[in-house]
Amino acid sequence: MSLAASFAIERDIIEKFPTEKLDYYRTTKRGKIYNKWRNLNSHFKCTMTEIKPKPIKGHKVQRYQEEIGEPEQDAETCISTLKYSHLSSDEFDSVWKACSNFRLQQIITLETTTAVLDAWPFYRQPSGFRLV
């Protein structure tokens, strides 16, 4: 906010509320509205610097990433079994786990979440949250 913007706000307040006096808002050099905004802004910056730790120079953040093994040889048969067979929940879980490496490799190569959901429609089912 600039001084001109705060002065414009003061004038708008006086136009909307005729009982207000300009002297109330212009008690200091910059005006009450500008000072209030400036104090809130500096308080917010101080609060954010206390909450957010400063990054250490030269320190790289290490992320945990598990190695994904080679895709299974019979992954295509597992996928066709999942799509076209009527399996019980236990059978579905065992087949789902059997093609996990292939599924994870494919999820990594796909670009968007929509593409992942199109390739693996099982995530959209009501019980899809268990598959993650």
N, C-alpha and C. Protein backbone atom coordinates (compact mmCIF):
# COMPACT_ATOMS: atom_id res chain seq x y z
N MET A 1 0.85 -1.16 0.00
CA MET A 1 0.00 0.00 0.00
C MET A 1 0.90 1.23 0.00
N SER A 2 0.50 2.21 -0.77
CA SER A 2 1.27 3.45 -0.83
C SER A 2 0.56 4.52 0.00
N LEU A 3 1.26 5.63 0.20
CA LEU A 3 0.65 6.75 0.93
C LEU A 3 -0.54 7.30 0.17
N ALA A 4 -0.43 7.36 -1.15
CA ALA A 4 -1.55 7.87 -1.96
C ALA A 4 -2.77 6.97 -1.81
N ALA A 5 -2.55 5.66 -1.77
CA ALA A 5 -3.68 4.74 -1.60
C ALA A 5 -4.32 4.91 -0.23
N SER A 6 -3.50 5.09 0.81
CA SER A 6 -4.09 5.27 2.15
C SER A 6 -4.84 6.60 2.24
N PHE A 7 -4.34 7.65 1.59
CA PHE A 7 -5.06 8.93 1.58
C PHE A 7 -6.37 8.79 0.81
N ALA A 8 -6.37 8.01 -0.28
CA ALA A 8 -7.60 7.80 -1.04
C ALA A 8 -8.62 7.04 -0.19
N ILE A 9 -8.17 6.07 0.58
CA ILE A 9 -9.08 5.33 1.47
C ILE A 9 -9.66 6.27 2.52
N GLU A 10 -8.82 7.14 3.06
CA GLU A 10 -9.31 8.11 4.06
C GLU A 10 -10.38 9.01 3.46
N ARG A 11 -10.15 9.50 2.23
CA ARG A 11 -11.14 10.36 1.58
C ARG A 11 -12.44 9.60 1.31
N ASP A 12 -12.33 8.32 0.90
CA ASP A 12 -13.53 7.52 0.65
C ASP A 12 -14.32 7.31 1.93
N ILE A 13 -13.64 7.09 3.04
CA ILE A 13 -14.33 6.92 4.33
C ILE A 13 -15.08 8.19 4.69
N ILE A 14 -14.45 9.33 4.49
CA ILE A 14 -15.09 10.60 4.84
C ILE A 14 -16.29 10.87 3.93
N GLU A 15 -16.21 10.48 2.65
CA GLU A 15 -17.35 10.65 1.75
C GLU A 15 -18.51 9.75 2.15
N LYS A 16 -18.21 8.51 2.51
CA LYS A 16 -19.27 7.55 2.86
C LYS A 16 -19.89 7.85 4.22
N PHE A 17 -19.08 8.31 5.15
CA PHE A 17 -19.55 8.60 6.50
C PHE A 17 -19.28 10.07 6.81
N PRO A 18 -20.27 10.93 6.59
CA PRO A 18 -20.06 12.37 6.75
C PRO A 18 -19.75 12.78 8.19
N THR A 19 -20.08 11.97 9.18
CA THR A 19 -19.80 12.35 10.56
C THR A 19 -18.33 12.17 10.94
N GLU A 20 -17.58 11.43 10.12
CA GLU A 20 -16.16 11.22 10.39
C GLU A 20 -15.38 12.49 10.08
N LYS A 21 -14.28 12.69 10.76
CA LYS A 21 -13.43 13.86 10.55
C LYS A 21 -12.07 13.40 10.02
N LEU A 22 -11.54 14.17 9.11
CA LEU A 22 -10.24 13.85 8.52
C LEU A 22 -9.13 13.94 9.55
N ASP A 23 -9.29 14.79 10.55
CA ASP A 23 -8.27 14.94 11.59
C ASP A 23 -8.05 13.64 12.36
N TYR A 24 -9.10 12.82 12.47
CA TYR A 24 -8.97 11.54 13.18
C TYR A 24 -7.98 10.63 12.47
N TYR A 25 -8.01 10.61 11.15
CA TYR A 25 -7.15 9.71 10.38
C TYR A 25 -5.77 10.29 10.13
N ARG A 26 -5.61 11.61 10.20
CA ARG A 26 -4.33 12.26 9.91
C ARG A 26 -3.63 12.72 11.18
N THR A 27 -3.60 11.92 12.20
CA THR A 27 -2.97 12.32 13.45
C THR A 27 -1.45 12.29 13.36
N THR A 28 -0.90 11.46 12.51
CA THR A 28 0.55 11.37 12.36
C THR A 28 0.94 11.77 10.95
N LYS A 29 2.21 11.73 10.67
CA LYS A 29 2.71 12.18 9.37
C LYS A 29 2.13 11.35 8.21
N ARG A 30 1.99 10.05 8.43
CA ARG A 30 1.53 9.18 7.35
C ARG A 30 0.05 8.84 7.46
N GLY A 31 -0.53 9.00 8.57
CA GLY A 31 -1.94 8.69 8.74
C GLY A 31 -2.13 7.36 9.44
N LYS A 32 -3.29 7.22 10.10
CA LYS A 32 -3.55 6.02 10.89
C LYS A 32 -3.68 4.77 10.03
N ILE A 33 -4.31 4.88 8.89
CA ILE A 33 -4.55 3.69 8.07
C ILE A 33 -3.23 3.13 7.54
N TYR A 34 -2.37 4.01 7.04
CA TYR A 34 -1.08 3.57 6.52
C TYR A 34 -0.24 2.97 7.64
N ASN A 35 -0.20 3.62 8.80
CA ASN A 35 0.57 3.09 9.93
C ASN A 35 0.05 1.74 10.39
N LYS A 36 -1.28 1.58 10.42
CA LYS A 36 -1.88 0.30 10.83
C LYS A 36 -1.47 -0.80 9.85
N TRP A 37 -1.55 -0.51 8.56
CA TRP A 37 -1.17 -1.49 7.55
C TRP A 37 0.31 -1.85 7.67
N ARG A 38 1.14 -0.86 7.86
CA ARG A 38 2.58 -1.08 7.97
C ARG A 38 2.92 -1.92 9.20
N ASN A 39 2.29 -1.63 10.33
CA ASN A 39 2.54 -2.40 11.55
C ASN A 39 2.09 -3.85 11.40
N LEU A 40 0.92 -4.06 10.79
CA LEU A 40 0.45 -5.42 10.57
C LEU A 40 1.39 -6.18 9.63
N ASN A 41 1.84 -5.50 8.60
CA ASN A 41 2.74 -6.12 7.64
C ASN A 41 4.07 -6.52 8.29
N SER A 42 4.65 -5.63 9.08
CA SER A 42 5.92 -5.97 9.74
C SER A 42 5.73 -7.05 10.80
N HIS A 43 4.60 -7.02 11.51
CA HIS A 43 4.32 -8.06 12.51
C HIS A 43 4.17 -9.42 11.83
N PHE A 44 3.51 -9.43 10.69
CA PHE A 44 3.34 -10.68 9.95
C PHE A 44 4.69 -11.23 9.50
N LYS A 45 5.57 -10.36 9.01
CA LYS A 45 6.90 -10.81 8.58
C LYS A 45 7.71 -11.37 9.75
N CYS A 46 7.63 -10.70 10.89
CA CYS A 46 8.35 -11.19 12.07
C CYS A 46 7.83 -12.55 12.51
N THR A 47 6.51 -12.70 12.49
CA THR A 47 5.90 -13.96 12.89
C THR A 47 6.31 -15.08 11.94
N MET A 48 6.31 -14.80 10.65
CA MET A 48 6.65 -15.83 9.67
C MET A 48 8.12 -16.23 9.77
N THR A 49 9.01 -15.30 10.07
CA THR A 49 10.42 -15.68 10.20
C THR A 49 10.65 -16.52 11.44
N GLU A 50 9.83 -16.32 12.47
CA GLU A 50 9.96 -17.15 13.67
C GLU A 50 9.46 -18.56 13.42
N ILE A 51 8.40 -18.69 12.64
CA ILE A 51 7.81 -20.00 12.38
C ILE A 51 8.64 -20.80 11.38
N LYS A 52 9.05 -20.17 10.30
CA LYS A 52 9.74 -20.86 9.22
C LYS A 52 11.24 -20.87 9.47
N PRO A 53 11.85 -22.04 9.58
CA PRO A 53 13.30 -22.07 9.79
C PRO A 53 14.04 -21.65 8.52
N LYS A 54 15.17 -21.00 8.71
CA LYS A 54 15.96 -20.56 7.58
C LYS A 54 16.75 -21.75 7.03
N PRO A 55 16.80 -21.87 5.70
CA PRO A 55 17.56 -22.98 5.13
C PRO A 55 19.06 -22.77 5.32
N ILE A 56 19.76 -23.86 5.52
CA ILE A 56 21.20 -23.82 5.71
C ILE A 56 21.85 -23.86 4.33
N LYS A 57 22.81 -22.95 4.10
CA LYS A 57 23.47 -22.90 2.80
C LYS A 57 24.27 -24.18 2.57
N GLY A 58 24.15 -24.69 1.36
CA GLY A 58 24.91 -25.88 0.99
C GLY A 58 24.32 -27.17 1.53
N HIS A 59 23.22 -27.09 2.25
CA HIS A 59 22.60 -28.28 2.83
C HIS A 59 21.45 -28.71 1.92
N LYS A 60 21.55 -29.90 1.40
CA LYS A 60 20.50 -30.41 0.52
C LYS A 60 19.49 -31.20 1.35
N VAL A 61 18.25 -31.03 1.01
CA VAL A 61 17.19 -31.76 1.69
C VAL A 61 17.15 -33.17 1.11
N GLN A 62 17.25 -34.14 1.97
CA GLN A 62 17.20 -35.52 1.51
C GLN A 62 15.77 -36.01 1.58
N ARG A 63 15.36 -36.63 0.52
CA ARG A 63 14.01 -37.17 0.47
C ARG A 63 14.10 -38.68 0.44
N TYR A 64 13.20 -39.27 1.15
CA TYR A 64 13.16 -40.72 1.21
C TYR A 64 12.52 -41.25 -0.07
N GLN A 65 13.24 -42.07 -0.76
CA GLN A 65 12.69 -42.69 -1.95
C GLN A 65 13.11 -44.15 -1.95
N GLU A 66 12.13 -44.98 -1.99
CA GLU A 66 12.39 -46.41 -1.96
C GLU A 66 12.71 -46.90 -3.36
N GLU A 67 13.65 -47.78 -3.45
CA GLU A 67 14.01 -48.35 -4.74
C GLU A 67 12.88 -49.27 -5.21
N ILE A 68 12.51 -49.10 -6.45
CA ILE A 68 11.48 -49.95 -7.03
C ILE A 68 12.18 -51.02 -7.84
N GLY A 69 11.83 -52.24 -7.58
CA GLY A 69 12.48 -53.35 -8.27
C GLY A 69 12.04 -53.46 -9.71
N GLU A 70 12.53 -54.48 -10.36
CA GLU A 70 12.16 -54.73 -11.75
C GLU A 70 10.69 -55.12 -11.84
N PRO A 71 10.02 -54.70 -12.90
CA PRO A 71 8.62 -55.10 -13.06
C PRO A 71 8.49 -56.62 -13.17
N GLU A 72 7.39 -57.12 -12.71
CA GLU A 72 7.15 -58.56 -12.71
C GLU A 72 7.00 -59.07 -14.14
N GLN A 73 7.35 -60.33 -14.34
CA GLN A 73 7.26 -60.93 -15.67
C GLN A 73 5.81 -61.14 -16.09
N ASP A 74 4.98 -61.51 -15.14
CA ASP A 74 3.58 -61.82 -15.46
C ASP A 74 2.65 -60.65 -15.12
N ALA A 75 3.14 -59.44 -15.22
CA ALA A 75 2.34 -58.26 -14.85
C ALA A 75 1.14 -58.10 -15.76
N GLU A 76 1.30 -58.39 -17.05
CA GLU A 76 0.18 -58.23 -17.99
C GLU A 76 -0.95 -59.20 -17.65
N THR A 77 -0.61 -60.41 -17.25
CA THR A 77 -1.67 -61.36 -16.88
C THR A 77 -2.35 -60.93 -15.58
N CYS A 78 -1.58 -60.36 -14.67
CA CYS A 78 -2.18 -59.85 -13.43
C CYS A 78 -3.16 -58.73 -13.73
N ILE A 79 -2.78 -57.83 -14.64
CA ILE A 79 -3.65 -56.71 -14.98
C ILE A 79 -4.93 -57.20 -15.65
N SER A 80 -4.79 -58.15 -16.57
CA SER A 80 -6.00 -58.68 -17.22
C SER A 80 -6.87 -59.42 -16.22
N THR A 81 -6.26 -60.09 -15.26
CA THR A 81 -7.03 -60.76 -14.21
C THR A 81 -7.79 -59.74 -13.38
N LEU A 82 -7.14 -58.64 -13.05
CA LEU A 82 -7.81 -57.60 -12.26
C LEU A 82 -8.98 -56.99 -13.03
N LYS A 83 -8.80 -56.77 -14.34
CA LYS A 83 -9.83 -56.09 -15.12
C LYS A 83 -11.01 -56.99 -15.46
N TYR A 84 -10.75 -58.24 -15.81
CA TYR A 84 -11.80 -59.06 -16.40
C TYR A 84 -12.30 -60.19 -15.53
N SER A 85 -11.67 -60.48 -14.42
CA SER A 85 -12.12 -61.57 -13.56
C SER A 85 -12.92 -61.01 -12.39
N HIS A 86 -13.87 -61.80 -11.95
CA HIS A 86 -14.63 -61.43 -10.75
C HIS A 86 -13.93 -62.09 -9.56
N LEU A 87 -13.18 -61.28 -8.83
CA LEU A 87 -12.36 -61.80 -7.73
C LEU A 87 -12.95 -61.41 -6.39
N SER A 88 -12.71 -62.25 -5.40
CA SER A 88 -13.07 -61.88 -4.03
C SER A 88 -12.07 -60.82 -3.56
N SER A 89 -12.35 -60.20 -2.45
CA SER A 89 -11.46 -59.14 -1.97
C SER A 89 -10.07 -59.68 -1.62
N ASP A 90 -10.00 -60.88 -1.07
CA ASP A 90 -8.69 -61.47 -0.75
C ASP A 90 -7.90 -61.79 -2.01
N GLU A 91 -8.59 -62.35 -3.01
CA GLU A 91 -7.92 -62.66 -4.27
C GLU A 91 -7.46 -61.38 -4.97
N PHE A 92 -8.31 -60.36 -4.94
CA PHE A 92 -7.96 -59.08 -5.55
C PHE A 92 -6.72 -58.49 -4.89
N ASP A 93 -6.66 -58.54 -3.55
CA ASP A 93 -5.50 -58.01 -2.84
C ASP A 93 -4.22 -58.75 -3.21
N SER A 94 -4.29 -60.06 -3.31
CA SER A 94 -3.07 -60.82 -3.64
C SER A 94 -2.62 -60.54 -5.07
N VAL A 95 -3.56 -60.42 -6.02
CA VAL A 95 -3.18 -60.10 -7.40
C VAL A 95 -2.67 -58.67 -7.49
N TRP A 96 -3.28 -57.76 -6.73
CA TRP A 96 -2.85 -56.36 -6.71
C TRP A 96 -1.41 -56.24 -6.21
N LYS A 97 -1.09 -56.99 -5.16
CA LYS A 97 0.28 -56.96 -4.63
C LYS A 97 1.26 -57.63 -5.58
N ALA A 98 0.78 -58.59 -6.36
CA ALA A 98 1.67 -59.32 -7.27
C ALA A 98 2.19 -58.44 -8.39
N CYS A 99 1.46 -57.40 -8.75
CA CYS A 99 1.91 -56.52 -9.85
C CYS A 99 2.31 -55.14 -9.33
N SER A 100 2.77 -55.06 -8.09
CA SER A 100 3.06 -53.75 -7.48
C SER A 100 4.23 -53.04 -8.15
N ASN A 101 5.31 -53.74 -8.46
CA ASN A 101 6.47 -53.07 -9.08
C ASN A 101 6.11 -52.52 -10.46
N PHE A 102 5.37 -53.29 -11.23
CA PHE A 102 4.95 -52.83 -12.55
C PHE A 102 4.06 -51.59 -12.42
N ARG A 103 3.14 -51.63 -11.48
CA ARG A 103 2.21 -50.51 -11.27
C ARG A 103 2.97 -49.25 -10.84
N LEU A 104 3.91 -49.38 -9.92
CA LEU A 104 4.67 -48.22 -9.45
C LEU A 104 5.54 -47.63 -10.56
N GLN A 105 6.16 -48.49 -11.37
CA GLN A 105 6.95 -47.99 -12.50
C GLN A 105 6.07 -47.23 -13.47
N GLN A 106 4.88 -47.75 -13.73
CA GLN A 106 3.97 -47.08 -14.67
C GLN A 106 3.47 -45.76 -14.09
N ILE A 107 3.20 -45.71 -12.81
CA ILE A 107 2.74 -44.47 -12.17
C ILE A 107 3.83 -43.40 -12.24
N ILE A 108 5.09 -43.80 -12.08
CA ILE A 108 6.20 -42.84 -12.16
C ILE A 108 6.32 -42.27 -13.56
N THR A 109 6.12 -43.10 -14.58
CA THR A 109 6.28 -42.62 -15.95
C THR A 109 5.10 -41.78 -16.42
N LEU A 110 3.92 -41.97 -15.86
CA LEU A 110 2.77 -41.18 -16.28
C LEU A 110 2.91 -39.75 -15.78
N GLU A 111 2.41 -38.80 -16.56
CA GLU A 111 2.65 -37.38 -16.29
C GLU A 111 1.66 -36.77 -15.30
N THR A 112 0.39 -37.13 -15.39
CA THR A 112 -0.61 -36.47 -14.57
C THR A 112 -1.38 -37.48 -13.73
N THR A 113 -2.08 -36.95 -12.76
CA THR A 113 -2.92 -37.80 -11.91
C THR A 113 -4.07 -38.39 -12.72
N THR A 114 -4.59 -37.61 -13.66
CA THR A 114 -5.67 -38.11 -14.52
C THR A 114 -5.21 -39.31 -15.32
N ALA A 115 -3.99 -39.25 -15.83
CA ALA A 115 -3.45 -40.38 -16.60
C ALA A 115 -3.30 -41.61 -15.71
N VAL A 116 -2.89 -41.41 -14.47
CA VAL A 116 -2.76 -42.54 -13.53
C VAL A 116 -4.13 -43.15 -13.27
N LEU A 117 -5.13 -42.30 -13.05
CA LEU A 117 -6.47 -42.82 -12.77
C LEU A 117 -7.08 -43.49 -13.99
N ASP A 118 -6.72 -43.04 -15.19
CA ASP A 118 -7.20 -43.71 -16.40
C ASP A 118 -6.53 -45.06 -16.58
N ALA A 119 -5.24 -45.13 -16.28
CA ALA A 119 -4.51 -46.39 -16.43
C ALA A 119 -4.89 -47.40 -15.35
N TRP A 120 -5.18 -46.91 -14.16
CA TRP A 120 -5.53 -47.77 -13.03
C TRP A 120 -6.88 -47.32 -12.46
N PRO A 121 -7.98 -47.73 -13.10
CA PRO A 121 -9.31 -47.28 -12.65
C PRO A 121 -9.73 -47.83 -11.29
N PHE A 122 -8.96 -48.76 -10.76
CA PHE A 122 -9.30 -49.34 -9.46
C PHE A 122 -9.18 -48.32 -8.34
N TYR A 123 -8.36 -47.28 -8.55
CA TYR A 123 -8.23 -46.23 -7.54
C TYR A 123 -9.51 -45.40 -7.41
N ARG A 124 -10.36 -45.41 -8.43
CA ARG A 124 -11.60 -44.62 -8.41
C ARG A 124 -12.75 -45.35 -7.72
N GLN A 125 -12.60 -46.61 -7.49
CA GLN A 125 -13.67 -47.38 -6.86
C GLN A 125 -13.82 -46.95 -5.40
N PRO A 126 -14.97 -47.24 -4.80
CA PRO A 126 -15.18 -46.84 -3.40
C PRO A 126 -14.12 -47.38 -2.44
N SER A 127 -13.57 -48.54 -2.73
CA SER A 127 -12.54 -49.10 -1.86
C SER A 127 -11.13 -48.75 -2.35
N GLY A 128 -11.02 -47.79 -3.26
CA GLY A 128 -9.73 -47.43 -3.84
C GLY A 128 -8.75 -46.83 -2.86
N PHE A 129 -9.26 -46.24 -1.78
CA PHE A 129 -8.36 -45.65 -0.79
C PHE A 129 -7.48 -46.70 -0.12
N ARG A 130 -7.93 -47.95 -0.08
CA ARG A 130 -7.13 -49.01 0.53
C ARG A 130 -5.95 -49.42 -0.35
N LEU A 131 -6.03 -49.11 -1.64
CA LEU A 131 -5.02 -49.57 -2.58
C LEU A 131 -3.78 -48.70 -2.60
N VAL A 132 -3.84 -47.55 -2.00
CA VAL A 132 -2.71 -46.62 -2.04
C VAL A 132 -1.60 -47.11 -1.14
